[in-house]
């Protein structure tokens, strides 16, 4: 174990002993609070993960990205389109697309750099907003969701544009 971690743990234990804090009771209170948080988040996360898994296993994601790849005026591989589409939804799905791009084209290739920029410039927006809204018990998201998705789209477009500019 790291020495600094042991020092921090010792500091907290000594501080708790000095202030006569029941460490075990405080630990139990933290576990109870964490479990109540888990109970509020779990149903939404389970439904979200089930939806993504069903889309991946049905092949619908591959079908949809292939269609979009054929429609676009410039050639962009379907894996990069999949990365762009599913990055706001699922980190694991976008990481699978990134791994596919790296294995097919290489991490230092043009498409590898574009995918890396896309992965780094965006976040799992729907996941973050669902956690935020469930924790704040907000009934309406207002403009948060459309704004965040538009910013993700802008980040994806700029990542592609910057890759094209840097490679020429």
C-alpha atoms as a PDB file:
ATOM      1  CA  UNK A   1       0.000   0.000   0.000  1.00  0.00           C
ATOM      2  CA  UNK A   2       1.201   3.489  -0.727  1.00  0.00           C
ATOM      3  CA  UNK A   3       2.820   5.245   2.256  1.00  0.00           C
ATOM      4  CA  UNK A   4       0.893   8.471   1.693  1.00  0.00           C
ATOM      5  CA  UNK A   5      -2.408   6.588   1.878  1.00  0.00           C
ATOM      6  CA  UNK A   6      -1.385   5.053   5.205  1.00  0.00           C
ATOM      7  CA  UNK A   7      -0.433   8.506   6.518  1.00  0.00           C
ATOM      8  CA  UNK A   8      -3.804   9.960   5.494  1.00  0.00           C
ATOM      9  CA  UNK A   9      -5.666   7.042   7.105  1.00  0.00           C
ATOM     10  CA  UNK A  10      -3.647   7.439  10.284  1.00  0.00           C
ATOM     11  CA  UNK A  11      -4.387  11.169  10.343  1.00  0.00           C
ATOM     12  CA  UNK A  12      -8.139  10.550  10.126  1.00  0.00           C
ATOM     13  CA  UNK A  13      -8.015   7.858  12.802  1.00  0.00           C
ATOM     14  CA  UNK A  14      -6.053  10.087  15.192  1.00  0.00           C
ATOM     15  CA  UNK A  15      -8.385  13.019  14.494  1.00  0.00           C
ATOM     16  CA  UNK A  16     -11.436  10.816  15.169  1.00  0.00           C
ATOM     17  CA  UNK A  17      -9.908   9.595  18.440  1.00  0.00           C
ATOM     18  CA  UNK A  18      -9.090  13.153  19.552  1.00  0.00           C
ATOM     19  CA  UNK A  19     -12.626  14.379  18.806  1.00  0.00           C
ATOM     20  CA  UNK A  20     -14.259  11.242  20.319  1.00  0.00           C
ATOM     21  CA  UNK A  21     -16.006  10.231  17.098  1.00  0.00           C
ATOM     22  CA  UNK A  22     -17.473   6.752  16.826  1.00  0.00           C
ATOM     23  CA  UNK A  23     -15.634   5.631  13.696  1.00  0.00           C
ATOM     24  CA  UNK A  24     -17.640   2.467  13.153  1.00  0.00           C
ATOM     25  CA  UNK A  25     -20.977   4.289  13.430  1.00  0.00           C
ATOM     26  CA  UNK A  26     -19.793   6.959  10.990  1.00  0.00           C
ATOM     27  CA  UNK A  27     -18.697   4.214   8.587  1.00  0.00           C
ATOM     28  CA  UNK A  28     -22.134   2.566   8.828  1.00  0.00           C
ATOM     29  CA  UNK A  29     -23.813   5.935   8.213  1.00  0.00           C
ATOM     30  CA  UNK A  30     -21.715   6.398   5.075  1.00  0.00           C
ATOM     31  CA  UNK A  31     -22.597   2.937   3.831  1.00  0.00           C
ATOM     32  CA  UNK A  32     -26.322   3.604   4.455  1.00  0.00           C
ATOM     33  CA  UNK A  33     -26.092   6.891   2.547  1.00  0.00           C
ATOM     34  CA  UNK A  34     -24.252   5.220  -0.317  1.00  0.00           C
ATOM     35  CA  UNK A  35     -26.817   2.431  -0.465  1.00  0.00           C
ATOM     36  CA  UNK A  36     -29.715   4.898  -0.598  1.00  0.00           C
ATOM     37  CA  UNK A  37     -27.955   6.672  -3.477  1.00  0.00           C
ATOM     38  CA  UNK A  38     -27.513   3.319  -5.202  1.00  0.00           C
ATOM     39  CA  UNK A  39     -31.223   2.523  -4.810  1.00  0.00           C
ATOM     40  CA  UNK A  40     -32.223   5.774  -6.530  1.00  0.00           C
ATOM     41  CA  UNK A  41     -29.719   5.435  -9.404  1.00  0.00           C
ATOM     42  CA  UNK A  42     -29.909   1.702 -10.106  1.00  0.00           C
ATOM     43  CA  UNK A  43     -33.263   1.436 -11.966  1.00  0.00           C
ATOM     44  CA  UNK A  44     -32.391   4.165 -14.449  1.00  0.00           C
ATOM     45  CA  UNK A  45     -28.876   2.849 -15.025  1.00  0.00           C
ATOM     46  CA  UNK A  46     -30.130  -0.710 -15.479  1.00  0.00           C
ATOM     47  CA  UNK A  47     -32.691   0.373 -18.079  1.00  0.00           C
ATOM     48  CA  UNK A  48     -30.060   2.489 -19.833  1.00  0.00           C
ATOM     49  CA  UNK A  49     -27.503  -0.341 -19.964  1.00  0.00           C
ATOM     50  CA  UNK A  50     -30.153  -2.819 -21.124  1.00  0.00           C
ATOM     51  CA  UNK A  51     -31.120  -0.527 -24.004  1.00  0.00           C
ATOM     52  CA  UNK A  52     -27.507  -0.157 -25.149  1.00  0.00           C
ATOM     53  CA  UNK A  53     -26.853  -3.894 -24.860  1.00  0.00           C
ATOM     54  CA  UNK A  54     -29.956  -4.712 -26.895  1.00  0.00           C
ATOM     55  CA  UNK A  55     -28.944  -2.249 -29.611  1.00  0.00           C
ATOM     56  CA  UNK A  56     -25.419  -3.677 -29.760  1.00  0.00           C
ATOM     57  CA  UNK A  57     -26.426  -7.338 -29.763  1.00  0.00           C
ATOM     58  CA  UNK A  58     -29.198  -6.870 -32.353  1.00  0.00           C
ATOM     59  CA  UNK A  59     -26.735  -5.414 -34.866  1.00  0.00           C
ATOM     60  CA  UNK A  60     -28.790  -2.261 -35.202  1.00  0.00           C
ATOM     61  CA  UNK A  61     -25.829  -0.048 -34.333  1.00  0.00           C
ATOM     62  CA  UNK A  62     -23.716  -1.481 -37.166  1.00  0.00           C
ATOM     63  CA  UNK A  63     -26.579  -1.260 -39.626  1.00  0.00           C
ATOM     64  CA  UNK A  64     -27.290   2.375 -38.757  1.00  0.00           C
ATOM     65  CA  UNK A  65     -23.633   3.471 -38.922  1.00  0.00           C
ATOM     66  CA  UNK A  66     -23.144   1.757 -42.294  1.00  0.00           C
ATOM     67  CA  UNK A  67     -26.122   3.637 -43.726  1.00  0.00           C
ATOM     68  CA  UNK A  68     -24.815   6.971 -42.425  1.00  0.00           C
ATOM     69  CA  UNK A  69     -21.338   6.208 -43.769  1.00  0.00           C
ATOM     70  CA  UNK A  70     -22.785   5.728 -47.254  1.00  0.00           C
ATOM     71  CA  UNK A  71     -24.825   8.966 -47.095  1.00  0.00           C
ATOM     72  CA  UNK A  72     -22.029  11.355 -46.051  1.00  0.00           C
ATOM     73  CA  UNK A  73     -20.287  13.300 -48.841  1.00  0.00           C
ATOM     74  CA  UNK A  74     -16.775  12.546 -47.501  1.00  0.00           C
ATOM     75  CA  UNK A  75     -15.536   9.066 -46.719  1.00  0.00           C
ATOM     76  CA  UNK A  76     -15.627   8.493 -42.993  1.00  0.00           C
ATOM     77  CA  UNK A  77     -15.512   4.901 -41.744  1.00  0.00           C
ATOM     78  CA  UNK A  78     -18.654   3.587 -40.092  1.00  0.00           C
ATOM     79  CA  UNK A  79     -16.717   2.965 -36.858  1.00  0.00           C
ATOM     80  CA  UNK A  80     -15.999   6.694 -36.519  1.00  0.00           C
ATOM     81  CA  UNK A  81     -19.658   7.481 -37.159  1.00  0.00           C
ATOM     82  CA  UNK A  82     -20.585   4.931 -34.525  1.00  0.00           C
ATOM     83  CA  UNK A  83     -18.145   6.516 -32.115  1.00  0.00           C
ATOM     84  CA  UNK A  84     -19.690   9.924 -32.724  1.00  0.00           C
ATOM     85  CA  UNK A  85     -23.246   8.676 -32.380  1.00  0.00           C
ATOM     86  CA  UNK A  86     -22.800   6.570 -29.288  1.00  0.00           C
ATOM     87  CA  UNK A  87     -20.259   8.607 -27.329  1.00  0.00           C
ATOM     88  CA  UNK A  88     -23.030  10.720 -25.718  1.00  0.00           C
ATOM     89  CA  UNK A  89     -24.909   7.534 -24.867  1.00  0.00           C
ATOM     90  CA  UNK A  90     -22.438   4.899 -23.740  1.00  0.00           C
ATOM     91  CA  UNK A  91     -18.784   5.012 -22.833  1.00  0.00           C
ATOM     92  CA  UNK A  92     -18.335   1.280 -23.377  1.00  0.00           C
ATOM     93  CA  UNK A  93     -19.945   1.381 -26.835  1.00  0.00           C
ATOM     94  CA  UNK A  94     -17.789   4.305 -27.921  1.00  0.00           C
ATOM     95  CA  UNK A  95     -14.691   2.595 -26.517  1.00  0.00           C
ATOM     96  CA  UNK A  96     -15.541  -0.500 -28.573  1.00  0.00           C
ATOM     97  CA  UNK A  97     -15.693   1.670 -31.707  1.00  0.00           C
ATOM     98  CA  UNK A  98     -12.396   3.334 -30.752  1.00  0.00           C
ATOM     99  CA  UNK A  99     -10.742  -0.054 -30.274  1.00  0.00           C
ATOM    100  CA  UNK A 100     -12.061  -1.179 -33.661  1.00  0.00           C
ATOM    101  CA  UNK A 101     -10.625   1.951 -35.307  1.00  0.00           C
ATOM    102  CA  UNK A 102      -7.261   1.441 -33.621  1.00  0.00           C
ATOM    103  CA  UNK A 103      -7.071  -2.204 -34.642  1.00  0.00           C
ATOM    104  CA  UNK A 104      -8.114  -1.513 -38.244  1.00  0.00           C
ATOM    105  CA  UNK A 105      -6.231   1.740 -38.975  1.00  0.00           C
ATOM    106  CA  UNK A 106      -3.756   2.120 -36.083  1.00  0.00           C
ATOM    107  CA  UNK A 107      -3.727   4.693 -33.298  1.00  0.00           C
ATOM    108  CA  UNK A 108      -1.365   7.070 -35.145  1.00  0.00           C
ATOM    109  CA  UNK A 109      -3.278   6.970 -38.419  1.00  0.00           C
ATOM    110  CA  UNK A 110      -5.522   9.723 -39.722  1.00  0.00           C
ATOM    111  CA  UNK A 111      -8.682   7.975 -38.517  1.00  0.00           C
ATOM    112  CA  UNK A 112      -7.041   6.980 -35.244  1.00  0.00           C
ATOM    113  CA  UNK A 113      -6.207  10.617 -34.511  1.00  0.00           C
ATOM    114  CA  UNK A 114      -9.707  11.721 -35.495  1.00  0.00           C
ATOM    115  CA  UNK A 115     -11.296   9.105 -33.240  1.00  0.00           C
ATOM    116  CA  UNK A 116      -8.997  10.044 -30.362  1.00  0.00           C
ATOM    117  CA  UNK A 117      -9.954  13.708 -30.705  1.00  0.00           C
ATOM    118  CA  UNK A 118     -13.631  12.780 -30.809  1.00  0.00           C
ATOM    119  CA  UNK A 119     -13.335  10.550 -27.757  1.00  0.00           C
ATOM    120  CA  UNK A 120     -11.476  13.188 -25.785  1.00  0.00           C
ATOM    121  CA  UNK A 121     -13.648  16.143 -26.806  1.00  0.00           C
ATOM    122  CA  UNK A 122     -16.978  14.643 -25.772  1.00  0.00           C
ATOM    123  CA  UNK A 123     -18.518  12.956 -22.771  1.00  0.00           C
ATOM    124  CA  UNK A 124     -21.284  10.469 -22.047  1.00  0.00           C
ATOM    125  CA  UNK A 125     -23.804  13.291 -21.937  1.00  0.00           C
ATOM    126  CA  UNK A 126     -26.988  11.271 -21.521  1.00  0.00           C
ATOM    127  CA  UNK A 127     -25.453   9.298 -18.659  1.00  0.00           C
ATOM    128  CA  UNK A 128     -24.252  12.440 -16.876  1.00  0.00           C
ATOM    129  CA  UNK A 129     -27.573  14.238 -17.314  1.00  0.00           C
ATOM    130  CA  UNK A 130     -29.577  11.217 -16.155  1.00  0.00           C
ATOM    131  CA  UNK A 131     -27.444  10.980 -13.000  1.00  0.00           C
ATOM    132  CA  UNK A 132     -27.741  14.720 -12.399  1.00  0.00           C
ATOM    133  CA  UNK A 133     -31.505  14.851 -12.924  1.00  0.00           C
ATOM    134  CA  UNK A 134     -32.136  11.797 -10.762  1.00  0.00           C
ATOM    135  CA  UNK A 135     -30.052  13.250  -7.942  1.00  0.00           C
ATOM    136  CA  UNK A 136     -31.683  16.666  -8.062  1.00  0.00           C
ATOM    137  CA  UNK A 137     -35.157  15.127  -8.538  1.00  0.00           C
ATOM    138  CA  UNK A 138     -35.746  17.541 -11.415  1.00  0.00           C
ATOM    139  CA  UNK A 139     -38.859  16.815 -13.436  1.00  0.00           C
ATOM    140  CA  UNK A 140     -37.883  18.886 -16.471  1.00  0.00           C
ATOM    141  CA  UNK A 141     -34.439  19.180 -17.987  1.00  0.00           C
ATOM    142  CA  UNK A 142     -35.202  22.459 -19.729  1.00  0.00           C
ATOM    143  CA  UNK A 143     -32.564  23.264 -22.295  1.00  0.00           C
ATOM    144  CA  UNK A 144     -29.819  21.213 -20.638  1.00  0.00           C
ATOM    145  CA  UNK A 145     -30.169  18.090 -22.769  1.00  0.00           C
ATOM    146  CA  UNK A 146     -30.520  19.779 -26.197  1.00  0.00           C
ATOM    147  CA  UNK A 147     -27.709  22.199 -25.395  1.00  0.00           C
ATOM    148  CA  UNK A 148     -25.345  19.438 -24.239  1.00  0.00           C
ATOM    149  CA  UNK A 149     -26.116  17.281 -27.279  1.00  0.00           C
ATOM    150  CA  UNK A 150     -25.540  20.266 -29.598  1.00  0.00           C
ATOM    151  CA  UNK A 151     -22.206  20.914 -27.894  1.00  0.00           C
ATOM    152  CA  UNK A 152     -21.273  17.252 -28.324  1.00  0.00           C
ATOM    153  CA  UNK A 153     -22.139  17.491 -32.024  1.00  0.00           C
ATOM    154  CA  UNK A 154     -20.058  20.656 -32.332  1.00  0.00           C
ATOM    155  CA  UNK A 155     -17.119  18.959 -30.596  1.00  0.00           C
ATOM    156  CA  UNK A 156     -17.368  15.973 -32.964  1.00  0.00           C
ATOM    157  CA  UNK A 157     -17.479  18.211 -36.026  1.00  0.00           C
ATOM    158  CA  UNK A 158     -14.549  20.313 -34.809  1.00  0.00           C
ATOM    159  CA  UNK A 159     -12.539  17.172 -34.040  1.00  0.00           C
ATOM    160  CA  UNK A 160     -13.060  15.990 -37.628  1.00  0.00           C
ATOM    161  CA  UNK A 161     -12.254  19.430 -39.055  1.00  0.00           C
ATOM    162  CA  UNK A 162      -9.099  19.821 -36.970  1.00  0.00           C
ATOM    163  CA  UNK A 163      -7.937  16.362 -38.017  1.00  0.00           C
ATOM    164  CA  UNK A 164      -8.450  17.241 -41.678  1.00  0.00           C
ATOM    165  CA  UNK A 165      -6.611  20.572 -41.175  1.00  0.00           C
ATOM    166  CA  UNK A 166      -3.693  18.994 -39.316  1.00  0.00           C
ATOM    167  CA  UNK A 167      -3.221  16.223 -41.854  1.00  0.00           C
ATOM    168  CA  UNK A 168      -3.147  18.494 -44.921  1.00  0.00           C
END
